[in-house]
N, C-alpha and C. Protein backbone atom coordinates (compact mmCIF):
# COMPACT_ATOMS: atom_id res chain seq x y z
N MET A 1 0.93 -1.19 -0.01
CA MET A 1 0.01 0.01 0.05
C MET A 1 1.16 1.32 -0.11
N ARG A 2 0.46 2.11 -0.37
CA ARG A 2 1.14 3.41 -0.65
C ARG A 2 0.11 4.65 -0.19
N LEU A 3 0.87 5.36 0.57
CA LEU A 3 0.26 6.82 1.16
C LEU A 3 0.49 8.19 0.05
N ILE A 4 -0.08 8.22 -0.46
CA ILE A 4 -0.03 9.36 -1.44
C ILE A 4 -0.24 10.90 -0.74
N VAL A 5 0.40 11.85 -0.35
CA VAL A 5 -0.12 12.84 -0.02
C VAL A 5 0.28 13.96 -0.78
N GLY A 6 -0.86 15.14 -0.99
CA GLY A 6 -0.73 16.36 -1.37
C GLY A 6 -0.71 17.56 -0.10
N LEU A 7 0.22 18.32 -0.41
CA LEU A 7 0.35 19.28 0.67
C LEU A 7 -0.58 20.60 0.19
N GLY A 8 -0.93 21.39 0.82
CA GLY A 8 -1.60 22.47 0.88
C GLY A 8 -2.30 23.22 2.17
N ASN A 9 -2.72 24.10 2.29
CA ASN A 9 -3.43 24.67 3.19
C ASN A 9 -5.16 24.55 3.19
N PRO A 10 -5.58 24.40 3.97
CA PRO A 10 -7.14 24.07 3.98
C PRO A 10 -8.16 25.17 4.01
N GLY A 11 -9.21 24.99 3.23
CA GLY A 11 -10.36 26.23 3.16
C GLY A 11 -10.45 26.83 1.69
N ALA A 12 -11.44 27.37 1.55
CA ALA A 12 -11.62 28.09 0.14
C ALA A 12 -10.67 29.30 -0.05
N ARG A 13 -10.28 30.05 1.02
CA ARG A 13 -9.38 31.12 0.42
C ARG A 13 -8.12 30.59 -0.23
N TYR A 14 -7.83 29.40 0.33
CA TYR A 14 -6.61 29.42 0.04
C TYR A 14 -6.61 27.88 -1.45
N ALA A 15 -7.34 27.69 -1.70
CA ALA A 15 -7.89 26.47 -2.69
C ALA A 15 -7.30 26.51 -4.02
N ARG A 16 -6.97 27.81 -4.59
CA ARG A 16 -6.43 28.06 -5.94
C ARG A 16 -4.84 28.75 -5.82
N ASN A 17 -4.39 28.92 -4.46
CA ASN A 17 -2.93 29.49 -4.23
C ASN A 17 -1.82 28.35 -4.78
N ARG A 18 -0.61 28.89 -5.06
CA ARG A 18 -0.06 28.17 -5.76
C ARG A 18 0.87 27.19 -4.61
N HIS A 19 0.77 27.69 -3.80
CA HIS A 19 1.31 26.45 -2.12
C HIS A 19 0.46 25.31 -2.47
N ASN A 20 -1.15 25.66 -3.14
CA ASN A 20 -2.01 24.44 -2.64
C ASN A 20 -2.24 23.33 -4.34
N ILE A 21 -0.87 23.30 -5.07
CA ILE A 21 -0.91 22.60 -6.03
C ILE A 21 -0.71 20.99 -5.81
N GLY A 22 -0.40 20.42 -4.38
CA GLY A 22 -0.05 19.42 -4.26
C GLY A 22 -1.48 18.71 -4.05
N PHE A 23 -2.47 19.72 -3.36
CA PHE A 23 -3.95 19.40 -3.39
C PHE A 23 -4.58 19.14 -4.12
N LEU A 24 -4.22 20.15 -5.14
CA LEU A 24 -4.95 20.20 -6.59
C LEU A 24 -4.40 18.83 -7.37
N ALA A 25 -3.38 18.24 -7.40
CA ALA A 25 -2.81 17.07 -7.93
C ALA A 25 -3.61 15.93 -7.27
N VAL A 26 -4.00 15.66 -6.30
CA VAL A 26 -3.96 14.99 -5.50
C VAL A 26 -5.65 14.56 -5.80
N ASP A 27 -6.30 15.85 -5.68
CA ASP A 27 -8.00 15.87 -6.65
C ASP A 27 -7.83 15.58 -7.76
N GLU A 28 -7.05 15.64 -8.59
CA GLU A 28 -7.25 15.06 -9.81
C GLU A 28 -6.86 13.86 -9.82
N ILE A 29 -6.04 13.11 -9.23
CA ILE A 29 -5.77 11.64 -9.02
C ILE A 29 -6.88 11.14 -8.49
N ALA A 30 -7.72 11.23 -7.58
CA ALA A 30 -9.06 10.93 -7.26
C ALA A 30 -9.77 11.20 -8.10
N ARG A 31 -10.33 12.08 -8.69
CA ARG A 31 -11.22 12.23 -10.17
C ARG A 31 -10.88 11.02 -10.83
N VAL A 32 -9.41 11.05 -11.85
CA VAL A 32 -9.40 9.87 -12.78
C VAL A 32 -9.58 8.75 -12.45
N HIS A 33 -9.19 8.69 -11.30
CA HIS A 33 -9.07 7.36 -10.68
C HIS A 33 -10.15 6.47 -10.01
N ARG A 34 -11.25 7.76 -10.13
CA ARG A 34 -12.35 6.96 -9.40
C ARG A 34 -12.60 6.72 -7.93
N ALA A 35 -11.56 7.26 -7.21
CA ALA A 35 -11.20 7.26 -5.68
C ALA A 35 -12.58 7.37 -4.85
N SER A 36 -12.82 6.43 -3.73
CA SER A 36 -13.79 6.67 -2.73
C SER A 36 -13.99 7.80 -2.42
N PRO A 37 -14.85 8.22 -1.89
CA PRO A 37 -15.54 9.69 -1.28
C PRO A 37 -14.64 9.67 -0.02
N TRP A 38 -14.20 11.33 -0.51
CA TRP A 38 -13.34 12.06 0.59
C TRP A 38 -14.10 11.67 2.33
N ARG A 39 -13.08 11.33 3.15
CA ARG A 39 -13.70 11.47 4.51
C ARG A 39 -12.42 11.96 5.46
N LYS A 40 -13.12 12.75 6.49
CA LYS A 40 -12.33 13.26 7.86
C LYS A 40 -11.56 12.12 8.28
N LYS A 41 -10.26 11.93 8.34
CA LYS A 41 -9.56 11.15 9.39
C LYS A 41 -7.86 11.76 9.09
N PHE A 42 -7.59 11.23 10.61
CA PHE A 42 -5.76 11.56 10.96
C PHE A 42 -5.75 13.48 10.42
N GLN A 43 -6.36 13.90 11.23
CA GLN A 43 -6.31 15.51 10.89
C GLN A 43 -6.27 15.56 9.59
N GLY A 44 -7.11 15.31 9.03
CA GLY A 44 -6.91 15.58 7.25
C GLY A 44 -8.09 14.71 6.21
N GLU A 45 -8.22 14.65 5.27
CA GLU A 45 -8.95 14.41 4.49
C GLU A 45 -8.66 13.09 3.56
N ILE A 46 -9.07 11.96 3.81
CA ILE A 46 -8.69 10.53 3.21
C ILE A 46 -9.43 10.04 1.75
N ALA A 47 -8.89 9.12 1.06
CA ALA A 47 -9.76 8.79 0.13
C ALA A 47 -9.11 7.48 -0.26
N GLU A 48 -9.77 6.50 -0.79
CA GLU A 48 -8.79 5.18 -0.99
C GLU A 48 -8.95 5.16 -2.82
N VAL A 49 -8.12 4.30 -3.34
CA VAL A 49 -8.08 4.11 -4.53
C VAL A 49 -7.12 3.22 -4.82
N ALA A 50 -7.41 2.59 -6.36
CA ALA A 50 -6.76 1.68 -6.83
C ALA A 50 -5.64 1.83 -7.85
N LEU A 51 -4.54 1.57 -8.04
CA LEU A 51 -3.57 2.51 -9.07
C LEU A 51 -2.70 1.50 -9.80
N GLY A 52 -3.42 0.69 -10.90
CA GLY A 52 -3.08 -0.65 -11.16
C GLY A 52 -2.88 -1.72 -10.40
N ALA A 53 -2.03 -1.89 -10.09
CA ALA A 53 -1.94 -3.60 -9.04
C ALA A 53 -1.93 -2.62 -7.62
N GLU A 54 -1.54 -1.74 -7.39
CA GLU A 54 -1.22 -1.20 -6.30
C GLU A 54 -2.67 -0.44 -5.37
N ARG A 55 -3.03 -0.59 -3.98
CA ARG A 55 -3.78 0.26 -3.43
C ARG A 55 -3.06 1.02 -2.92
N ALA A 56 -3.82 2.42 -3.00
CA ALA A 56 -3.34 3.75 -2.22
C ALA A 56 -4.35 4.58 -1.25
N ILE A 57 -3.46 4.81 -0.44
CA ILE A 57 -4.71 5.94 0.49
C ILE A 57 -4.14 7.44 -0.23
N LEU A 58 -5.04 8.16 -0.34
CA LEU A 58 -4.95 9.36 -0.61
C LEU A 58 -4.91 10.53 0.47
N LEU A 59 -4.03 11.41 0.91
CA LEU A 59 -4.31 12.11 2.18
C LEU A 59 -4.04 13.42 1.93
N LYS A 60 -5.13 14.35 2.26
CA LYS A 60 -4.96 15.81 2.30
C LYS A 60 -4.81 16.82 3.46
N PRO A 61 -3.48 16.54 3.76
CA PRO A 61 -3.73 17.17 5.77
C PRO A 61 -4.62 18.36 5.59
N GLN A 62 -4.95 18.48 6.77
CA GLN A 62 -6.06 19.70 7.27
C GLN A 62 -5.61 20.78 8.16
N THR A 63 -4.32 20.09 8.51
CA THR A 63 -3.52 20.80 9.51
C THR A 63 -2.75 22.61 9.67
N PHE A 64 -3.04 22.85 8.40
CA PHE A 64 -1.98 23.69 7.67
C PHE A 64 -0.99 23.20 7.40
N MET A 65 -0.25 24.18 6.25
CA MET A 65 1.26 23.59 5.68
C MET A 65 2.08 22.81 6.46
N ASN A 66 2.45 24.32 7.83
CA ASN A 66 3.43 23.65 8.87
C ASN A 66 3.41 22.77 9.93
N GLU A 67 2.29 22.06 10.06
CA GLU A 67 1.95 21.26 10.44
C GLU A 67 1.32 20.17 9.92
N SER A 68 1.72 19.55 8.49
CA SER A 68 1.43 18.72 7.57
C SER A 68 1.84 17.35 8.35
N GLY A 69 3.27 17.38 9.22
CA GLY A 69 3.47 16.10 9.37
C GLY A 69 2.75 15.50 10.42
N ARG A 70 2.04 16.07 11.14
CA ARG A 70 0.97 15.39 12.11
C ARG A 70 0.31 14.19 11.38
N SER A 71 -0.81 15.06 10.83
CA SER A 71 -1.50 14.25 9.73
C SER A 71 -1.03 12.76 9.00
N VAL A 72 0.58 13.44 8.49
CA VAL A 72 0.96 11.94 7.64
C VAL A 72 1.22 10.92 8.49
N SER A 73 1.84 11.57 9.57
CA SER A 73 2.46 10.21 10.44
C SER A 73 1.52 9.82 11.25
N GLU A 74 -0.04 10.15 11.63
CA GLU A 74 -0.89 9.36 12.23
C GLU A 74 -1.32 8.47 10.98
N ALA A 75 -1.29 8.70 9.57
CA ALA A 75 -2.38 7.91 8.47
C ALA A 75 -0.85 6.57 8.39
N GLN A 76 0.49 7.42 8.41
CA GLN A 76 1.39 5.96 8.23
C GLN A 76 1.31 5.22 9.10
N ARG A 77 1.24 5.43 10.69
CA ARG A 77 1.26 4.72 11.36
C ARG A 77 0.11 3.65 11.59
N PHE A 78 -0.92 4.18 11.39
CA PHE A 78 -2.32 3.25 11.57
C PHE A 78 -2.28 2.02 10.30
N TYR A 79 -1.91 2.38 9.15
CA TYR A 79 -1.58 1.67 7.89
C TYR A 79 -0.45 0.70 8.10
N LYS A 80 0.46 1.13 8.98
CA LYS A 80 1.66 0.50 8.54
C LYS A 80 2.67 0.57 7.41
N ILE A 81 2.35 1.80 6.94
CA ILE A 81 3.15 2.25 5.70
C ILE A 81 4.53 2.42 5.95
N ALA A 82 5.42 1.65 5.35
CA ALA A 82 6.85 2.13 4.92
C ALA A 82 7.05 3.28 4.81
N LEU A 83 7.93 4.22 5.08
CA LEU A 83 8.12 5.45 5.12
C LEU A 83 8.76 5.58 3.28
N ALA A 84 9.35 4.53 2.86
CA ALA A 84 9.75 4.40 1.46
C ALA A 84 8.43 4.56 0.42
N ASP A 85 7.14 4.14 1.17
CA ASP A 85 6.15 4.02 0.43
C ASP A 85 5.24 5.30 0.60
N VAL A 86 5.59 6.68 1.12
CA VAL A 86 5.03 7.57 1.34
C VAL A 86 5.11 8.84 0.14
N ILE A 87 4.46 8.95 -0.51
CA ILE A 87 4.81 9.96 -1.86
C ILE A 87 4.12 11.56 -1.68
N VAL A 88 5.22 12.10 -1.52
CA VAL A 88 4.59 13.47 -1.45
C VAL A 88 4.14 14.24 -2.45
N LEU A 89 3.38 15.40 -2.78
CA LEU A 89 3.11 16.07 -3.52
C LEU A 89 2.93 17.54 -3.10
N HIS A 90 4.24 18.49 -3.87
CA HIS A 90 4.07 19.79 -3.14
C HIS A 90 4.56 20.87 -4.36
N ASP A 91 4.32 22.13 -3.60
CA ASP A 91 4.87 23.35 -4.85
C ASP A 91 6.27 23.00 -5.03
N GLU A 92 6.91 23.48 -6.02
CA GLU A 92 8.64 23.73 -6.00
C GLU A 92 8.69 24.97 -6.11
N LEU A 93 9.88 26.02 -5.65
CA LEU A 93 9.76 27.10 -6.31
C LEU A 93 11.09 27.25 -6.92
N ASP A 94 12.08 25.93 -6.96
CA ASP A 94 13.31 25.96 -7.87
C ASP A 94 12.99 25.23 -9.00
N LEU A 95 12.20 24.96 -9.20
CA LEU A 95 11.77 24.52 -10.55
C LEU A 95 11.06 25.61 -11.32
N ALA A 96 11.42 25.57 -12.60
CA ALA A 96 10.14 26.20 -13.38
C ALA A 96 8.69 26.08 -13.63
N PRO A 97 8.13 26.64 -13.94
CA PRO A 97 6.59 26.46 -13.73
C PRO A 97 6.22 25.20 -14.86
N ALA A 98 5.34 24.36 -14.58
CA ALA A 98 5.05 23.16 -15.54
C ALA A 98 5.97 22.02 -15.23
N LYS A 99 7.27 22.35 -14.68
CA LYS A 99 7.82 21.06 -14.52
C LYS A 99 7.59 19.90 -13.35
N LEU A 100 8.25 18.93 -13.38
CA LEU A 100 8.35 17.85 -12.31
C LEU A 100 9.32 17.09 -12.24
N ARG A 101 9.72 17.20 -11.00
CA ARG A 101 11.09 16.22 -10.52
C ARG A 101 10.69 15.44 -9.53
N VAL A 102 10.91 14.12 -9.40
CA VAL A 102 10.75 13.05 -8.39
C VAL A 102 12.18 12.93 -7.60
N LYS A 103 12.47 12.80 -6.32
CA LYS A 103 13.13 12.87 -5.51
C LYS A 103 13.11 11.79 -4.07
N LEU A 104 14.07 11.02 -3.67
CA LEU A 104 13.92 10.45 -2.37
C LEU A 104 14.73 11.05 -1.40
N GLY A 105 14.26 11.53 -0.35
CA GLY A 105 14.88 11.93 0.74
C GLY A 105 15.40 13.65 0.12
N GLY A 106 16.68 14.08 0.47
CA GLY A 106 17.20 14.94 0.35
C GLY A 106 16.60 16.32 1.25
N GLY A 107 17.35 17.44 1.03
CA GLY A 107 16.39 18.63 1.82
C GLY A 107 15.52 19.21 1.53
N ASN A 108 15.08 19.97 2.45
CA ASN A 108 13.37 20.81 2.61
C ASN A 108 13.62 21.68 1.71
N ALA A 109 14.68 22.38 1.41
CA ALA A 109 14.39 23.61 0.65
C ALA A 109 13.64 24.81 1.00
N GLY A 110 13.45 24.85 2.77
CA GLY A 110 13.00 25.79 3.24
C GLY A 110 11.40 25.23 3.36
N HIS A 111 10.86 24.28 2.80
CA HIS A 111 9.50 24.18 2.55
C HIS A 111 9.12 23.61 3.97
N ASN A 112 8.00 24.34 4.57
CA ASN A 112 7.51 24.10 5.54
C ASN A 112 6.65 22.94 5.72
N GLY A 113 5.97 22.53 4.88
CA GLY A 113 5.30 21.26 4.89
C GLY A 113 6.42 19.85 5.03
N LEU A 114 7.30 20.07 4.12
CA LEU A 114 8.35 19.09 4.04
C LEU A 114 9.21 18.71 5.22
N ARG A 115 9.28 20.00 6.17
CA ARG A 115 9.95 20.24 6.95
C ARG A 115 9.44 19.61 8.21
N SER A 116 7.96 19.63 8.38
CA SER A 116 7.33 19.18 9.28
C SER A 116 7.28 17.59 9.13
N ILE A 117 6.97 16.93 7.94
CA ILE A 117 6.94 15.92 7.55
C ILE A 117 8.27 15.12 8.09
N THR A 118 9.48 15.55 7.65
CA THR A 118 10.53 15.07 8.03
C THR A 118 10.80 15.03 9.40
N ALA A 119 10.14 16.05 10.12
CA ALA A 119 10.20 15.75 11.83
C ALA A 119 9.41 14.81 12.31
N GLN A 120 8.61 14.74 11.90
CA GLN A 120 7.26 13.61 12.70
C GLN A 120 7.58 12.42 11.58
N CYS A 121 8.28 11.93 10.49
CA CYS A 121 8.25 10.93 10.25
C CYS A 121 9.61 10.33 9.71
N GLY A 122 10.28 11.31 9.62
CA GLY A 122 12.09 10.62 8.85
C GLY A 122 11.89 11.50 7.52
N ASN A 123 13.16 11.41 7.08
CA ASN A 123 13.49 12.07 5.58
C ASN A 123 13.25 11.18 4.30
N ASP A 124 13.15 9.85 4.65
CA ASP A 124 13.35 9.26 3.40
C ASP A 124 12.27 8.87 2.61
N TYR A 125 11.36 9.87 2.33
CA TYR A 125 10.10 9.75 1.41
C TYR A 125 10.35 10.35 0.40
N ARG A 126 9.64 9.99 -0.80
CA ARG A 126 9.54 10.11 -2.13
C ARG A 126 8.60 11.61 -1.94
N ARG A 127 9.45 12.35 -3.19
CA ARG A 127 8.95 13.85 -2.96
C ARG A 127 8.70 14.08 -4.75
N VAL A 128 7.31 14.72 -5.11
CA VAL A 128 6.99 14.74 -6.11
C VAL A 128 6.98 16.40 -6.31
N ARG A 129 8.02 17.05 -7.02
CA ARG A 129 8.32 18.30 -6.83
C ARG A 129 7.76 19.15 -8.22
N LEU A 130 6.47 19.72 -7.95
CA LEU A 130 5.84 20.23 -8.75
C LEU A 130 6.20 22.11 -9.10
N GLY A 131 6.62 21.89 -10.30
CA GLY A 131 7.00 23.33 -10.44
C GLY A 131 6.43 24.74 -10.43
N ILE A 132 6.61 25.48 -9.93
CA ILE A 132 5.47 26.92 -9.76
C ILE A 132 6.84 28.15 -10.32
N GLY A 133 7.81 27.87 -10.22
CA GLY A 133 8.54 29.08 -10.58
C GLY A 133 8.71 29.91 -9.34
N HIS A 134 9.67 30.77 -9.73
CA HIS A 134 9.99 31.85 -8.52
C HIS A 134 9.71 33.21 -8.69
N PRO A 135 9.32 33.90 -7.95
CA PRO A 135 8.88 35.46 -8.17
C PRO A 135 10.28 36.40 -8.42
N GLY A 136 11.47 35.82 -8.45
CA GLY A 136 12.75 36.66 -8.58
C GLY A 136 13.39 37.21 -7.49
N ASP A 137 12.57 37.82 -6.24
CA ASP A 137 12.84 38.30 -5.00
C ASP A 137 12.82 37.31 -4.03
N LYS A 138 13.80 37.01 -2.91
CA LYS A 138 13.27 36.24 -1.57
C LYS A 138 12.34 37.09 -1.15
N ALA A 139 12.09 38.09 -1.04
CA ALA A 139 11.47 38.90 -0.22
C ALA A 139 10.17 38.62 -0.80
N LEU A 140 9.32 38.44 -1.81
CA LEU A 140 8.15 38.07 -2.66
C LEU A 140 7.77 36.67 -2.46
N VAL A 141 8.50 35.80 -1.95
CA VAL A 141 8.16 34.28 -2.05
C VAL A 141 7.06 34.35 -1.01
N HIS A 142 6.69 34.74 0.18
CA HIS A 142 5.55 34.56 1.16
C HIS A 142 4.57 34.87 0.43
N ALA A 143 4.19 36.25 -0.51
CA ALA A 143 3.14 36.36 -0.94
C ALA A 143 2.93 35.96 -2.28
N TYR A 144 3.79 35.36 -2.78
CA TYR A 144 3.89 34.51 -3.91
C TYR A 144 3.11 33.01 -4.22
N VAL A 145 3.79 32.41 -3.05
CA VAL A 145 3.09 30.98 -2.79
C VAL A 145 1.51 31.07 -2.37
N LEU A 146 1.09 32.10 -1.57
CA LEU A 146 -0.05 32.21 -1.21
C LEU A 146 -0.84 32.87 -1.72
N ASN A 147 -0.59 33.48 -2.77
CA ASN A 147 -1.52 33.92 -3.89
C ASN A 147 -1.95 33.05 -4.84
N ASP A 148 -3.40 33.30 -5.56
CA ASP A 148 -3.90 32.36 -6.72
C ASP A 148 -2.67 32.15 -7.84
N PHE A 149 -3.14 31.01 -8.40
CA PHE A 149 -2.53 31.11 -9.84
C PHE A 149 -3.18 32.00 -10.65
N GLY A 150 -2.41 32.61 -11.85
CA GLY A 150 -2.94 33.56 -12.60
C GLY A 150 -4.03 33.22 -13.47
N LYS A 151 -4.56 33.72 -14.38
CA LYS A 151 -5.29 33.14 -15.53
C LYS A 151 -4.39 32.71 -16.38
N SER A 152 -3.62 33.60 -17.05
CA SER A 152 -2.29 32.52 -17.65
C SER A 152 -1.76 31.46 -17.32
N GLU A 153 -1.96 31.15 -16.02
CA GLU A 153 -0.99 29.99 -15.41
C GLU A 153 -2.18 28.65 -15.04
N GLU A 154 -3.40 28.98 -15.49
CA GLU A 154 -4.54 27.85 -14.96
C GLU A 154 -4.12 26.90 -16.22
N PRO A 155 -4.14 27.28 -17.18
CA PRO A 155 -4.29 25.99 -18.40
C PRO A 155 -2.75 25.17 -18.07
N TRP A 156 -1.41 25.42 -17.61
CA TRP A 156 -0.52 24.71 -17.82
C TRP A 156 -0.95 23.43 -16.14
N VAL A 157 -1.23 24.57 -15.15
CA VAL A 157 -1.39 23.75 -13.93
C VAL A 157 -2.33 22.61 -14.47
N ASN A 158 -3.62 22.67 -14.70
CA ASN A 158 -4.55 22.04 -15.13
C ASN A 158 -4.08 20.80 -15.69
N ASP A 159 -3.05 20.72 -16.84
CA ASP A 159 -2.58 19.87 -17.83
C ASP A 159 -1.33 19.10 -16.84
N LEU A 160 -0.99 19.91 -15.90
CA LEU A 160 0.39 19.08 -15.11
C LEU A 160 -0.11 18.08 -14.18
N ASP A 161 -1.42 18.87 -13.71
CA ASP A 161 -2.29 17.73 -12.76
C ASP A 161 -2.59 16.61 -13.08
N ARG A 162 -3.20 16.88 -14.71
CA ARG A 162 -3.81 15.61 -14.91
C ARG A 162 -2.68 14.57 -15.44
N ALA A 163 -1.56 15.57 -16.00
CA ALA A 163 -0.71 14.10 -16.45
C ALA A 163 0.09 13.31 -15.01
N VAL A 164 -0.06 13.92 -13.97
CA VAL A 164 0.46 13.26 -12.85
C VAL A 164 -1.07 12.37 -12.68
N ALA A 165 -1.71 12.54 -12.92
CA ALA A 165 -2.97 11.52 -12.66
C ALA A 165 -2.74 10.42 -13.36
N ASP A 166 -2.50 10.85 -14.67
CA ASP A 166 -2.59 10.00 -15.48
C ASP A 166 -1.72 8.65 -15.81
N HIS A 167 -0.47 9.11 -15.00
CA HIS A 167 0.83 8.08 -15.17
C HIS A 167 1.20 8.00 -13.63
N ILE A 168 0.29 8.09 -12.40
CA ILE A 168 0.35 7.79 -11.20
C ILE A 168 0.66 6.51 -10.99
N ALA A 169 -0.01 5.54 -11.61
CA ALA A 169 0.29 4.48 -11.11
C ALA A 169 1.77 4.06 -11.87
N LEU A 170 2.60 4.39 -12.43
CA LEU A 170 3.72 4.27 -12.57
C LEU A 170 4.43 4.57 -11.25
N LEU A 171 4.54 5.64 -10.80
CA LEU A 171 5.09 5.82 -9.71
C LEU A 171 4.58 5.05 -8.23
N ALA A 172 3.12 4.52 -8.09
CA ALA A 172 3.06 3.70 -7.11
C ALA A 172 3.48 2.27 -7.56
N ALA A 173 4.10 1.93 -8.42
CA ALA A 173 4.80 1.08 -8.88
C ALA A 173 6.35 1.21 -8.84
N GLY A 174 6.71 2.25 -8.29
CA GLY A 174 8.19 2.22 -7.97
C GLY A 174 8.78 2.79 -9.17
N GLU A 175 8.29 2.83 -10.60
CA GLU A 175 8.83 3.20 -11.39
C GLU A 175 9.16 4.58 -11.79
N ASP A 176 9.85 5.27 -10.77
CA ASP A 176 10.18 6.45 -10.62
C ASP A 176 10.12 7.57 -11.92
N ALA A 177 11.39 6.83 -12.49
CA ALA A 177 12.14 7.39 -13.71
C ALA A 177 11.14 7.44 -15.02
N SER A 178 10.34 6.14 -15.10
CA SER A 178 9.25 6.12 -16.25
C SER A 178 7.82 7.26 -15.82
N PHE A 179 7.50 7.47 -14.85
CA PHE A 179 6.37 8.49 -14.39
C PHE A 179 6.91 9.73 -14.82
N GLN A 180 8.27 10.16 -14.20
CA GLN A 180 8.73 11.48 -14.61
C GLN A 180 8.78 11.89 -16.33
N ASN A 181 9.10 10.53 -16.65
CA ASN A 181 9.15 11.07 -18.23
C ASN A 181 8.40 11.05 -18.89
N LYS A 182 7.07 10.16 -18.43
CA LYS A 182 5.87 10.11 -19.07
C LYS A 182 5.23 11.40 -18.93
N VAL A 183 5.38 12.12 -17.77
CA VAL A 183 4.86 13.66 -17.38
C VAL A 183 5.28 14.83 -18.43
N HIS A 184 6.80 14.30 -18.30
CA HIS A 184 7.54 15.05 -19.18
C HIS A 184 7.00 15.37 -20.42
N LEU A 185 7.10 14.39 -21.57
CA LEU A 185 6.78 14.03 -22.62
C LEU A 185 4.98 14.49 -22.84
N ALA A 186 4.69 14.54 -21.47
CA ALA A 186 2.86 14.68 -21.87
C ALA A 186 2.78 16.25 -22.07
N MET A 187 3.78 16.84 -20.75
CA MET A 187 3.45 18.69 -21.13
C MET A 187 4.23 18.86 -22.03
N ALA A 188 5.08 18.34 -22.48
CA ALA A 188 5.96 18.71 -23.62
C ALA A 188 4.96 18.79 -24.97
N GLY A 189 4.29 17.47 -25.21
CA GLY A 189 3.14 17.05 -26.46
C GLY A 189 1.95 18.47 -26.15
N ARG A 190 2.14 19.18 -24.93
CA ARG A 190 0.85 19.96 -25.08
C ARG A 190 1.32 21.79 -25.10
N GLY A 191 2.60 21.81 -25.29
CA GLY A 191 3.55 22.92 -25.56
C GLY A 191 4.11 23.67 -24.36
N TRP A 192 4.25 22.88 -23.25
CA TRP A 192 4.49 23.18 -21.72
C TRP A 192 5.93 23.24 -21.75
N ASP A 193 6.82 23.01 -22.70
CA ASP A 193 8.18 22.47 -22.07
C ASP A 193 9.05 23.92 -22.09
N ASP A 194 8.41 25.02 -22.25
CA ASP A 194 9.42 26.26 -21.73
C ASP A 194 8.66 27.67 -21.65
N VAL A 195 7.77 27.13 -20.47
CA VAL A 195 7.17 27.86 -19.25
C VAL A 195 7.66 29.40 -18.55
N LYS A 196 7.71 30.24 -19.28
CA LYS A 196 8.38 31.32 -17.95
C LYS A 196 8.14 31.55 -16.90
N GLY A 197 8.76 31.92 -16.05
CA GLY A 197 8.52 31.79 -14.54
C GLY A 197 8.35 33.54 -14.48
N VAL A 198 7.74 33.55 -13.08
CA VAL A 198 7.55 35.36 -12.80
C VAL A 198 8.37 36.18 -12.57
N GLY A 199 9.71 35.82 -12.40
CA GLY A 199 10.89 36.28 -12.36
C GLY A 199 11.55 36.67 -13.56
N GLU A 200 11.53 35.54 -14.60
CA GLU A 200 11.91 35.60 -15.81
C GLU A 200 10.84 36.71 -16.40
N ARG A 201 9.50 36.52 -16.38
CA ARG A 201 8.87 37.90 -17.11
C ARG A 201 9.36 39.37 -16.74
N ALA A 202 10.18 39.22 -15.03
CA ALA A 202 10.52 40.61 -14.69
C ALA A 202 11.75 40.68 -14.85
N GLY A 203 12.14 39.90 -15.78
CA GLY A 203 13.80 39.78 -16.24
C GLY A 203 14.83 40.02 -15.14
N SER A 204 14.24 39.26 -14.03
CA SER A 204 15.42 38.28 -12.86
C SER A 204 16.21 37.57 -13.85
N GLY A 205 15.88 36.63 -14.30
CA GLY A 205 16.64 35.84 -15.00
C GLY A 205 16.17 34.25 -14.13
N LYS A 206 15.73 34.20 -12.87
CA LYS A 206 15.32 33.06 -11.89
C LYS A 206 14.18 32.27 -12.18
N ASN A 207 14.26 30.97 -12.01
CA ASN A 207 12.94 30.29 -12.20
C ASN A 207 12.90 29.32 -11.48
């Protein structure tokens, strides 16, 4: 069994924030794969889903981002899921918009949700880094991640979430490289292989 966690903040005011792209991706997984109805448990919302030959629990912590680890650790312990079978989808400032990377362990790069999960569960879980780009100035990061995606961003966000959902069974089966490649090809095929970030549009050169 896999535990697939989307990170975000609960409530309507945060629903389309850049920081909530993990929630959006997990919602799309649930929709595409016809997961069970969401129910409240483990300080979060969970749904059960079949992904190919694997069963998975989808989890959206409702603790706010910086306490996400409390929800994840409760679910992990209850289902006796190994840390290597925990997959966390989250926003990534250091990736250009519409890009995706998968990694096992590593640093948390200042991400409060990852920091909380690492503190509560350990560090050796898989992270699906969903690129949202960088505002170009560190002082702007807080406001940037807690603002909604712009209208021009919505199409690639929707396509990235769908590509993740379409190929998530590969990741659940442990085929990380194949999953990453399939998502990349899907996004390139839709014309999202060179999306400019906010900082780039502003001329900073950062993404």
